Amino acid sequence: MTTRALRAVLVAASVLLGPMPGMGVTDPADTDTAVPAPPAGSWTWPVSPAALVRPYEPPAHAYAPGHRGVDIGSTPGAPVRAPAAGMVVFAGRVVDRPVISIDHGGGVVSSMEPIDPTVEVGDVVDAGSRIGSVTPDGHGAPGRLHLGIRMHGAYVDPLSLLSSPARAVLLPCC
């Protein structure tokens, strides 16, 4: 078995079975103290220039409608970079959209779509590493990149982690 295949098996096992001893991932429920959230402003925008076109809209409850992330204006083919260091835990299609998910440790997972990935499950990425390109697919206008972040399974506003604000974009009124 190749190193990449072994890494993919370990990643899949950790996603299905939970953290394994020696993998450097701890579950806050297993300790007396919770793992702190990453510091505000410590993540980089996955596309540049960053233009926020749709904000996070929290749902009233877990199954209610909402926008569980932010949409960032871009163009098809634009490079997408990892917003923080971590390990790729998913790179594939969900229904009709190409998605990449990165486990950043401490119960924090980011997901971005639509992306044509240049990484595979099990790859370790640094903040700013190229992970793919924006595709024209997706739930918004072609070229928009959706970024969602979960902490311990609950979606949070990505703006709470991203560095300096994106430039403002005026949208049509009517």
N, C-alpha and C. Protein backbone atom coordinates (compact mmCIF):
# COMPACT_ATOMS: atom_id res chain seq x y z
N MET A 1 0.86 -1.17 0.00
CA MET A 1 0.00 0.00 0.00
C MET A 1 0.90 1.23 0.00
N THR A 2 0.59 2.19 -0.87
CA THR A 2 1.39 3.40 -0.96
C THR A 2 1.15 4.29 0.25
N THR A 3 2.05 5.23 0.45
CA THR A 3 1.91 6.18 1.57
C THR A 3 0.63 6.98 1.42
N ARG A 4 0.32 7.43 0.20
CA ARG A 4 -0.89 8.22 -0.04
C ARG A 4 -2.14 7.39 0.25
N ALA A 5 -2.16 6.12 -0.17
CA ALA A 5 -3.31 5.26 0.08
C ALA A 5 -3.47 5.01 1.58
N LEU A 6 -2.36 4.77 2.28
CA LEU A 6 -2.42 4.56 3.72
C LEU A 6 -2.95 5.81 4.43
N ARG A 7 -2.47 6.98 3.99
CA ARG A 7 -2.94 8.24 4.58
C ARG A 7 -4.44 8.40 4.36
N ALA A 8 -4.93 8.07 3.16
CA ALA A 8 -6.36 8.18 2.86
C ALA A 8 -7.18 7.25 3.74
N VAL A 9 -6.66 6.03 3.99
CA VAL A 9 -7.37 5.09 4.87
C VAL A 9 -7.42 5.63 6.29
N LEU A 10 -6.30 6.19 6.78
CA LEU A 10 -6.28 6.75 8.14
C LEU A 10 -7.23 7.94 8.27
N VAL A 11 -7.26 8.79 7.25
CA VAL A 11 -8.16 9.94 7.29
C VAL A 11 -9.61 9.46 7.30
N ALA A 12 -9.95 8.52 6.42
CA ALA A 12 -11.32 8.00 6.37
C ALA A 12 -11.69 7.35 7.71
N ALA A 13 -10.76 6.61 8.30
CA ALA A 13 -11.04 5.97 9.59
C ALA A 13 -11.25 7.02 10.68
N SER A 14 -10.46 8.10 10.66
CA SER A 14 -10.63 9.11 11.70
C SER A 14 -11.95 9.86 11.54
N VAL A 15 -12.39 10.04 10.30
CA VAL A 15 -13.68 10.70 10.07
C VAL A 15 -14.82 9.80 10.54
N LEU A 16 -14.71 8.51 10.24
CA LEU A 16 -15.78 7.57 10.61
C LEU A 16 -15.74 7.17 12.08
N LEU A 17 -14.55 6.96 12.62
CA LEU A 17 -14.42 6.42 13.97
C LEU A 17 -14.04 7.44 15.02
N GLY A 18 -13.63 8.61 14.60
CA GLY A 18 -13.18 9.62 15.55
C GLY A 18 -11.67 9.61 15.63
N PRO A 19 -11.09 10.49 16.43
CA PRO A 19 -9.64 10.60 16.53
C PRO A 19 -9.00 9.31 16.99
N MET A 20 -7.82 9.02 16.44
CA MET A 20 -7.08 7.82 16.81
C MET A 20 -5.86 8.23 17.63
N PRO A 21 -5.43 7.41 18.56
CA PRO A 21 -4.26 7.75 19.36
C PRO A 21 -3.06 8.03 18.47
N GLY A 22 -2.32 9.08 18.81
CA GLY A 22 -1.12 9.40 18.09
C GLY A 22 -1.32 10.23 16.84
N MET A 23 -2.57 10.55 16.48
CA MET A 23 -2.79 11.33 15.26
C MET A 23 -2.73 12.82 15.53
N GLY A 24 -2.57 13.24 16.77
CA GLY A 24 -2.44 14.65 17.07
C GLY A 24 -3.76 15.40 17.09
N VAL A 25 -4.88 14.68 17.02
CA VAL A 25 -6.19 15.31 17.05
C VAL A 25 -6.84 14.93 18.37
N THR A 26 -7.30 15.91 19.10
CA THR A 26 -7.94 15.62 20.37
C THR A 26 -9.38 16.07 20.34
N ASP A 27 -10.21 15.36 21.04
CA ASP A 27 -11.62 15.69 21.15
C ASP A 27 -11.81 16.43 22.47
N PRO A 28 -12.36 17.66 22.42
CA PRO A 28 -12.53 18.42 23.65
C PRO A 28 -13.36 17.67 24.69
N ALA A 29 -14.24 16.78 24.27
CA ALA A 29 -15.05 16.03 25.22
C ALA A 29 -14.20 15.05 26.02
N ASP A 30 -13.01 14.70 25.48
CA ASP A 30 -12.13 13.75 26.16
C ASP A 30 -11.19 14.42 27.15
N THR A 31 -11.24 15.74 27.25
CA THR A 31 -10.33 16.45 28.14
C THR A 31 -11.12 17.33 29.09
N ASP A 32 -10.42 17.81 30.10
CA ASP A 32 -11.06 18.71 31.05
C ASP A 32 -11.22 20.12 30.49
N THR A 33 -10.38 20.47 29.52
CA THR A 33 -10.46 21.81 28.95
C THR A 33 -10.73 21.70 27.46
N ALA A 34 -11.59 22.58 26.96
CA ALA A 34 -11.92 22.58 25.54
C ALA A 34 -10.78 23.19 24.74
N VAL A 35 -10.65 22.75 23.50
CA VAL A 35 -9.65 23.31 22.60
C VAL A 35 -10.14 24.70 22.20
N PRO A 36 -9.30 25.73 22.36
CA PRO A 36 -9.76 27.09 22.01
C PRO A 36 -9.96 27.24 20.52
N ALA A 37 -10.87 28.12 20.15
CA ALA A 37 -11.10 28.43 18.75
C ALA A 37 -9.88 29.18 18.21
N PRO A 38 -9.65 29.08 16.89
CA PRO A 38 -8.55 29.86 16.32
C PRO A 38 -8.77 31.35 16.58
N PRO A 39 -7.69 32.11 16.72
CA PRO A 39 -7.83 33.55 16.98
C PRO A 39 -8.54 34.27 15.84
N ALA A 40 -9.34 35.25 16.17
CA ALA A 40 -10.03 36.06 15.16
C ALA A 40 -8.99 36.68 14.23
N GLY A 41 -9.28 36.66 12.95
CA GLY A 41 -8.39 37.28 11.98
C GLY A 41 -7.16 36.48 11.63
N SER A 42 -7.09 35.20 12.06
CA SER A 42 -5.88 34.41 11.83
C SER A 42 -5.90 33.66 10.50
N TRP A 43 -7.03 33.63 9.81
CA TRP A 43 -7.13 32.92 8.54
C TRP A 43 -7.01 33.89 7.38
N THR A 44 -6.58 33.37 6.22
CA THR A 44 -6.48 34.20 5.02
C THR A 44 -7.66 33.89 4.09
N TRP A 45 -8.01 34.85 3.26
CA TRP A 45 -9.09 34.67 2.30
C TRP A 45 -8.65 33.65 1.26
N PRO A 46 -9.53 32.73 0.86
CA PRO A 46 -9.13 31.68 -0.08
C PRO A 46 -8.96 32.16 -1.53
N VAL A 47 -9.52 33.30 -1.89
CA VAL A 47 -9.31 33.85 -3.23
C VAL A 47 -8.90 35.31 -3.08
N SER A 48 -8.19 35.80 -4.09
CA SER A 48 -7.74 37.19 -4.06
C SER A 48 -7.95 37.80 -5.44
N PRO A 49 -8.48 39.01 -5.52
CA PRO A 49 -8.93 39.82 -4.39
C PRO A 49 -10.21 39.25 -3.81
N ALA A 50 -10.41 39.48 -2.53
CA ALA A 50 -11.59 38.96 -1.83
C ALA A 50 -12.70 40.00 -1.86
N ALA A 51 -13.86 39.59 -2.33
CA ALA A 51 -15.02 40.49 -2.38
C ALA A 51 -16.22 39.74 -1.81
N LEU A 52 -16.65 40.10 -0.62
CA LEU A 52 -17.78 39.45 0.02
C LEU A 52 -19.06 39.83 -0.73
N VAL A 53 -19.77 38.83 -1.28
CA VAL A 53 -21.00 39.12 -2.01
C VAL A 53 -22.25 38.59 -1.32
N ARG A 54 -22.09 37.68 -0.37
CA ARG A 54 -23.24 37.22 0.42
C ARG A 54 -22.73 36.81 1.80
N PRO A 55 -23.29 37.42 2.85
CA PRO A 55 -22.81 37.13 4.20
C PRO A 55 -23.39 35.83 4.77
N TYR A 56 -22.86 35.45 5.90
CA TYR A 56 -23.37 34.33 6.69
C TYR A 56 -24.75 34.71 7.25
N GLU A 57 -25.71 33.81 7.11
CA GLU A 57 -27.06 34.03 7.64
C GLU A 57 -27.41 32.82 8.50
N PRO A 58 -27.24 32.93 9.82
CA PRO A 58 -27.46 31.77 10.69
C PRO A 58 -28.92 31.32 10.66
N PRO A 59 -29.12 30.01 10.67
CA PRO A 59 -30.50 29.50 10.72
C PRO A 59 -31.07 29.65 12.12
N ALA A 60 -32.40 29.67 12.21
CA ALA A 60 -33.07 29.78 13.52
C ALA A 60 -32.82 28.52 14.36
N HIS A 61 -32.68 27.38 13.71
CA HIS A 61 -32.36 26.11 14.38
C HIS A 61 -31.64 25.22 13.38
N ALA A 62 -31.17 24.07 13.80
CA ALA A 62 -30.31 23.21 12.98
C ALA A 62 -30.91 22.86 11.62
N TYR A 63 -32.22 22.78 11.49
CA TYR A 63 -32.84 22.35 10.24
C TYR A 63 -33.53 23.49 9.50
N ALA A 64 -33.39 24.70 9.98
CA ALA A 64 -34.04 25.86 9.35
C ALA A 64 -33.20 26.37 8.18
N PRO A 65 -33.83 27.13 7.29
CA PRO A 65 -33.06 27.70 6.18
C PRO A 65 -32.08 28.75 6.70
N GLY A 66 -31.04 28.96 5.96
CA GLY A 66 -30.02 29.95 6.29
C GLY A 66 -28.92 29.86 5.25
N HIS A 67 -27.91 30.64 5.39
CA HIS A 67 -26.74 30.58 4.51
C HIS A 67 -25.56 30.29 5.42
N ARG A 68 -25.16 29.04 5.47
CA ARG A 68 -24.17 28.55 6.42
C ARG A 68 -22.74 28.76 5.93
N GLY A 69 -22.44 29.98 5.61
CA GLY A 69 -21.12 30.35 5.13
C GLY A 69 -21.18 31.71 4.47
N VAL A 70 -20.13 32.05 3.74
CA VAL A 70 -20.10 33.31 3.00
C VAL A 70 -19.79 32.99 1.54
N ASP A 71 -20.28 33.85 0.65
CA ASP A 71 -19.93 33.74 -0.76
C ASP A 71 -18.96 34.87 -1.08
N ILE A 72 -17.89 34.49 -1.77
CA ILE A 72 -16.83 35.43 -2.12
C ILE A 72 -16.79 35.54 -3.64
N GLY A 73 -16.87 36.76 -4.14
CA GLY A 73 -16.82 36.98 -5.58
C GLY A 73 -15.46 36.63 -6.14
N SER A 74 -15.46 35.99 -7.30
CA SER A 74 -14.23 35.60 -7.97
C SER A 74 -14.57 35.36 -9.43
N THR A 75 -13.72 34.66 -10.13
CA THR A 75 -13.98 34.31 -11.52
C THR A 75 -13.65 32.83 -11.72
N PRO A 76 -14.37 32.16 -12.64
CA PRO A 76 -14.02 30.77 -12.93
C PRO A 76 -12.55 30.65 -13.33
N GLY A 77 -11.89 29.66 -12.78
CA GLY A 77 -10.48 29.45 -13.06
C GLY A 77 -9.53 30.11 -12.08
N ALA A 78 -10.06 30.99 -11.22
CA ALA A 78 -9.20 31.67 -10.24
C ALA A 78 -8.64 30.65 -9.25
N PRO A 79 -7.37 30.82 -8.83
CA PRO A 79 -6.81 29.89 -7.86
C PRO A 79 -7.48 30.02 -6.49
N VAL A 80 -7.65 28.88 -5.83
CA VAL A 80 -8.20 28.84 -4.47
C VAL A 80 -7.10 28.34 -3.55
N ARG A 81 -6.94 29.02 -2.42
CA ARG A 81 -5.87 28.68 -1.48
C ARG A 81 -6.47 28.29 -0.13
N ALA A 82 -5.75 27.44 0.59
CA ALA A 82 -6.20 27.01 1.92
C ALA A 82 -6.23 28.21 2.85
N PRO A 83 -7.34 28.44 3.56
CA PRO A 83 -7.42 29.59 4.46
C PRO A 83 -6.59 29.43 5.73
N ALA A 84 -6.24 28.19 6.07
CA ALA A 84 -5.42 27.88 7.24
C ALA A 84 -4.82 26.49 7.02
N ALA A 85 -3.80 26.16 7.77
CA ALA A 85 -3.16 24.85 7.64
C ALA A 85 -4.10 23.75 8.09
N GLY A 86 -3.95 22.57 7.48
CA GLY A 86 -4.77 21.43 7.88
C GLY A 86 -4.56 20.25 6.96
N MET A 87 -5.48 19.28 7.05
CA MET A 87 -5.43 18.08 6.22
C MET A 87 -6.71 17.97 5.41
N VAL A 88 -6.58 17.69 4.14
CA VAL A 88 -7.73 17.52 3.26
C VAL A 88 -8.45 16.24 3.67
N VAL A 89 -9.73 16.37 4.04
CA VAL A 89 -10.51 15.20 4.45
C VAL A 89 -11.58 14.85 3.43
N PHE A 90 -11.83 15.74 2.47
CA PHE A 90 -12.77 15.44 1.39
C PHE A 90 -12.41 16.28 0.18
N ALA A 91 -12.38 15.65 -0.98
CA ALA A 91 -12.17 16.35 -2.25
C ALA A 91 -12.96 15.58 -3.30
N GLY A 92 -14.17 16.04 -3.57
CA GLY A 92 -15.03 15.33 -4.51
C GLY A 92 -16.32 16.08 -4.74
N ARG A 93 -17.30 15.38 -5.28
CA ARG A 93 -18.58 16.00 -5.59
C ARG A 93 -19.60 15.68 -4.52
N VAL A 94 -20.38 16.70 -4.18
CA VAL A 94 -21.54 16.54 -3.31
C VAL A 94 -22.73 16.96 -4.17
N VAL A 95 -23.58 16.01 -4.49
CA VAL A 95 -24.67 16.17 -5.44
C VAL A 95 -24.06 16.60 -6.78
N ASP A 96 -24.15 17.87 -7.13
CA ASP A 96 -23.63 18.31 -8.43
C ASP A 96 -22.51 19.34 -8.30
N ARG A 97 -21.92 19.47 -7.11
CA ARG A 97 -20.91 20.50 -6.89
C ARG A 97 -19.60 19.90 -6.40
N PRO A 98 -18.47 20.38 -6.94
CA PRO A 98 -17.18 19.93 -6.42
C PRO A 98 -16.82 20.67 -5.13
N VAL A 99 -16.47 19.90 -4.10
CA VAL A 99 -16.25 20.43 -2.75
C VAL A 99 -14.90 19.95 -2.22
N ILE A 100 -14.25 20.81 -1.45
CA ILE A 100 -13.05 20.43 -0.69
C ILE A 100 -13.31 20.77 0.77
N SER A 101 -13.01 19.82 1.68
CA SER A 101 -13.09 20.07 3.12
C SER A 101 -11.72 19.84 3.72
N ILE A 102 -11.34 20.75 4.62
CA ILE A 102 -10.03 20.67 5.30
C ILE A 102 -10.27 20.64 6.80
N ASP A 103 -9.67 19.65 7.46
CA ASP A 103 -9.70 19.56 8.93
C ASP A 103 -8.51 20.35 9.45
N HIS A 104 -8.79 21.41 10.22
CA HIS A 104 -7.75 22.28 10.73
C HIS A 104 -7.34 21.92 12.16
N GLY A 105 -7.91 20.84 12.69
CA GLY A 105 -7.61 20.43 14.06
C GLY A 105 -8.47 21.18 15.06
N GLY A 106 -8.57 20.67 16.26
CA GLY A 106 -9.33 21.32 17.31
C GLY A 106 -10.82 21.39 17.03
N GLY A 107 -11.33 20.50 16.17
CA GLY A 107 -12.76 20.49 15.86
C GLY A 107 -13.17 21.50 14.80
N VAL A 108 -12.20 22.12 14.10
CA VAL A 108 -12.51 23.13 13.08
C VAL A 108 -12.32 22.53 11.69
N VAL A 109 -13.39 22.62 10.86
CA VAL A 109 -13.36 22.11 9.49
C VAL A 109 -13.89 23.20 8.57
N SER A 110 -13.16 23.46 7.47
CA SER A 110 -13.65 24.39 6.46
C SER A 110 -14.05 23.60 5.22
N SER A 111 -15.06 24.10 4.52
CA SER A 111 -15.49 23.52 3.26
C SER A 111 -15.65 24.64 2.25
N MET A 112 -15.19 24.38 1.01
CA MET A 112 -15.29 25.36 -0.04
C MET A 112 -15.83 24.71 -1.29
N GLU A 113 -16.66 25.45 -2.01
CA GLU A 113 -17.20 24.97 -3.27
C GLU A 113 -17.64 26.15 -4.12
N PRO A 114 -17.66 26.03 -5.40
CA PRO A 114 -17.24 24.91 -6.24
C PRO A 114 -15.76 25.02 -6.60
N ILE A 115 -15.03 23.94 -6.42
CA ILE A 115 -13.59 23.92 -6.65
C ILE A 115 -13.20 22.70 -7.47
N ASP A 116 -12.37 22.92 -8.47
CA ASP A 116 -11.71 21.84 -9.19
C ASP A 116 -10.43 21.58 -8.39
N PRO A 117 -10.39 20.48 -7.61
CA PRO A 117 -9.27 20.30 -6.68
C PRO A 117 -7.95 19.94 -7.35
N THR A 118 -6.86 20.42 -6.75
CA THR A 118 -5.51 19.99 -7.12
C THR A 118 -4.90 19.20 -5.97
N VAL A 119 -5.70 18.91 -4.94
CA VAL A 119 -5.25 18.14 -3.78
C VAL A 119 -6.11 16.89 -3.68
N GLU A 120 -5.64 15.96 -2.86
CA GLU A 120 -6.38 14.71 -2.63
C GLU A 120 -6.58 14.51 -1.14
N VAL A 121 -7.52 13.65 -0.79
CA VAL A 121 -7.76 13.31 0.60
C VAL A 121 -6.46 12.81 1.22
N GLY A 122 -6.13 13.34 2.38
CA GLY A 122 -4.91 12.96 3.08
C GLY A 122 -3.77 13.94 2.89
N ASP A 123 -3.88 14.83 1.90
CA ASP A 123 -2.82 15.82 1.70
C ASP A 123 -2.82 16.82 2.85
N VAL A 124 -1.64 17.16 3.33
CA VAL A 124 -1.48 18.19 4.35
C VAL A 124 -1.18 19.49 3.63
N VAL A 125 -1.92 20.55 3.98
CA VAL A 125 -1.75 21.84 3.31
C VAL A 125 -1.38 22.92 4.32
N ASP A 126 -0.60 23.87 3.86
CA ASP A 126 -0.25 25.04 4.67
C ASP A 126 -1.23 26.15 4.35
N ALA A 127 -1.35 27.12 5.22
CA ALA A 127 -2.16 28.30 4.93
C ALA A 127 -1.61 28.95 3.67
N GLY A 128 -2.48 29.24 2.71
CA GLY A 128 -2.07 29.86 1.47
C GLY A 128 -1.67 28.91 0.37
N SER A 129 -1.61 27.59 0.67
CA SER A 129 -1.29 26.60 -0.37
C SER A 129 -2.42 26.53 -1.38
N ARG A 130 -2.08 26.43 -2.65
CA ARG A 130 -3.11 26.28 -3.68
C ARG A 130 -3.75 24.90 -3.55
N ILE A 131 -5.09 24.89 -3.50
CA ILE A 131 -5.82 23.63 -3.36
C ILE A 131 -6.72 23.35 -4.55
N GLY A 132 -6.85 24.32 -5.47
CA GLY A 132 -7.68 24.11 -6.64
C GLY A 132 -8.00 25.42 -7.33
N SER A 133 -9.05 25.35 -8.19
CA SER A 133 -9.50 26.51 -8.95
C SER A 133 -11.01 26.61 -8.86
N VAL A 134 -11.53 27.84 -8.88
CA VAL A 134 -12.97 28.07 -8.86
C VAL A 134 -13.57 27.55 -10.17
N THR A 135 -14.68 26.84 -10.08
CA THR A 135 -15.39 26.37 -11.27
C THR A 135 -16.67 27.19 -11.43
N PRO A 136 -17.29 27.13 -12.60
CA PRO A 136 -18.53 27.90 -12.79
C PRO A 136 -19.76 27.27 -12.13
N ASP A 137 -19.63 26.03 -11.61
CA ASP A 137 -20.76 25.37 -10.93
C ASP A 137 -21.02 26.08 -9.61
N GLY A 138 -22.01 25.63 -8.87
CA GLY A 138 -22.23 26.17 -7.54
C GLY A 138 -23.63 26.68 -7.33
N HIS A 139 -23.89 27.14 -6.12
CA HIS A 139 -25.25 27.59 -5.79
C HIS A 139 -25.46 29.06 -6.08
N GLY A 140 -24.40 29.77 -6.47
CA GLY A 140 -24.52 31.20 -6.76
C GLY A 140 -24.13 31.47 -8.20
N ALA A 141 -23.89 32.72 -8.50
CA ALA A 141 -23.47 33.11 -9.84
C ALA A 141 -22.13 32.46 -10.18
N PRO A 142 -21.88 32.18 -11.46
CA PRO A 142 -20.59 31.57 -11.84
C PRO A 142 -19.41 32.39 -11.31
N GLY A 143 -18.46 31.69 -10.72
CA GLY A 143 -17.28 32.34 -10.17
C GLY A 143 -17.34 32.62 -8.68
N ARG A 144 -18.51 32.50 -8.07
CA ARG A 144 -18.58 32.70 -6.62
C ARG A 144 -18.00 31.49 -5.90
N LEU A 145 -17.27 31.76 -4.84
CA LEU A 145 -16.73 30.69 -4.00
C LEU A 145 -17.46 30.73 -2.67
N HIS A 146 -18.01 29.59 -2.25
CA HIS A 146 -18.69 29.50 -0.96
C HIS A 146 -17.70 28.92 0.05
N LEU A 147 -17.58 29.58 1.21
CA LEU A 147 -16.72 29.11 2.30
C LEU A 147 -17.58 28.92 3.53
N GLY A 148 -17.62 27.70 4.04
CA GLY A 148 -18.32 27.40 5.28
C GLY A 148 -17.32 26.89 6.30
N ILE A 149 -17.56 27.21 7.58
CA ILE A 149 -16.67 26.75 8.66
C ILE A 149 -17.52 26.16 9.77
N ARG A 150 -17.12 24.96 10.21
CA ARG A 150 -17.78 24.32 11.35
C ARG A 150 -16.79 24.20 12.50
N MET A 151 -17.29 24.49 13.70
CA MET A 151 -16.51 24.27 14.92
C MET A 151 -17.29 23.27 15.75
N HIS A 152 -16.68 22.11 15.96
CA HIS A 152 -17.31 21.02 16.71
C HIS A 152 -18.68 20.70 16.12
N GLY A 153 -18.78 20.73 14.78
CA GLY A 153 -19.99 20.35 14.08
C GLY A 153 -21.00 21.45 13.86
N ALA A 154 -20.82 22.61 14.48
CA ALA A 154 -21.77 23.72 14.33
C ALA A 154 -21.17 24.78 13.39
N TYR A 155 -21.99 25.24 12.44
CA TYR A 155 -21.52 26.28 11.53
C TYR A 155 -21.33 27.59 12.27
N VAL A 156 -20.27 28.31 11.90
CA VAL A 156 -19.97 29.63 12.47
C VAL A 156 -19.74 30.61 11.32
N ASP A 157 -19.78 31.89 11.62
CA ASP A 157 -19.54 32.92 10.61
C ASP A 157 -18.06 32.93 10.25
N PRO A 158 -17.72 32.63 8.98
CA PRO A 158 -16.31 32.64 8.59
C PRO A 158 -15.62 33.99 8.79
N LEU A 159 -16.39 35.07 8.77
CA LEU A 159 -15.77 36.39 8.96
C LEU A 159 -15.12 36.53 10.32
N SER A 160 -15.55 35.68 11.29
CA SER A 160 -14.95 35.74 12.62
C SER A 160 -13.51 35.24 12.63
N LEU A 161 -13.11 34.49 11.60
CA LEU A 161 -11.74 33.97 11.54
C LEU A 161 -10.88 34.62 10.48
N LEU A 162 -11.51 35.18 9.45
CA LEU A 162 -10.76 35.72 8.33
C LEU A 162 -10.06 37.03 8.69
N SER A 163 -8.91 37.25 8.05
CA SER A 163 -8.14 38.47 8.26
C SER A 163 -8.90 39.68 7.73
N SER A 164 -8.24 40.81 7.66
CA SER A 164 -8.87 42.08 7.31
C SER A 164 -10.04 41.91 6.35
N PRO A 165 -11.03 42.76 6.50
CA PRO A 165 -12.26 42.59 5.72
C PRO A 165 -12.03 42.64 4.21
N ALA A 166 -12.89 41.91 3.52
CA ALA A 166 -12.86 41.94 2.07
C ALA A 166 -13.37 43.29 1.60
N ARG A 167 -13.06 43.64 0.37
CA ARG A 167 -13.56 44.91 -0.15
C ARG A 167 -15.06 44.81 -0.35
N ALA A 168 -15.74 45.91 -0.15
CA ALA A 168 -17.19 45.95 -0.29
C ALA A 168 -17.59 45.91 -1.76
N VAL A 169 -18.70 45.24 -2.03
CA VAL A 169 -19.23 45.18 -3.38
C VAL A 169 -20.69 45.59 -3.32
N LEU A 170 -21.06 46.59 -4.10
CA LEU A 170 -22.46 47.01 -4.14
C LEU A 170 -23.23 46.09 -5.07
N LEU A 171 -24.35 45.58 -4.59
CA LEU A 171 -25.18 44.67 -5.38
C LEU A 171 -26.38 45.44 -5.93
N PRO A 172 -26.98 44.94 -7.01
CA PRO A 172 -28.14 45.62 -7.57
C PRO A 172 -29.26 45.71 -6.54
N CYS A 173 -29.96 46.80 -6.59
CA CYS A 173 -31.04 47.04 -5.63
C CYS A 173 -32.28 46.21 -5.94
N CYS A 174 -32.70 46.19 -7.20
CA CYS A 174 -34.00 45.61 -7.50
C CYS A 174 -33.93 44.53 -8.55
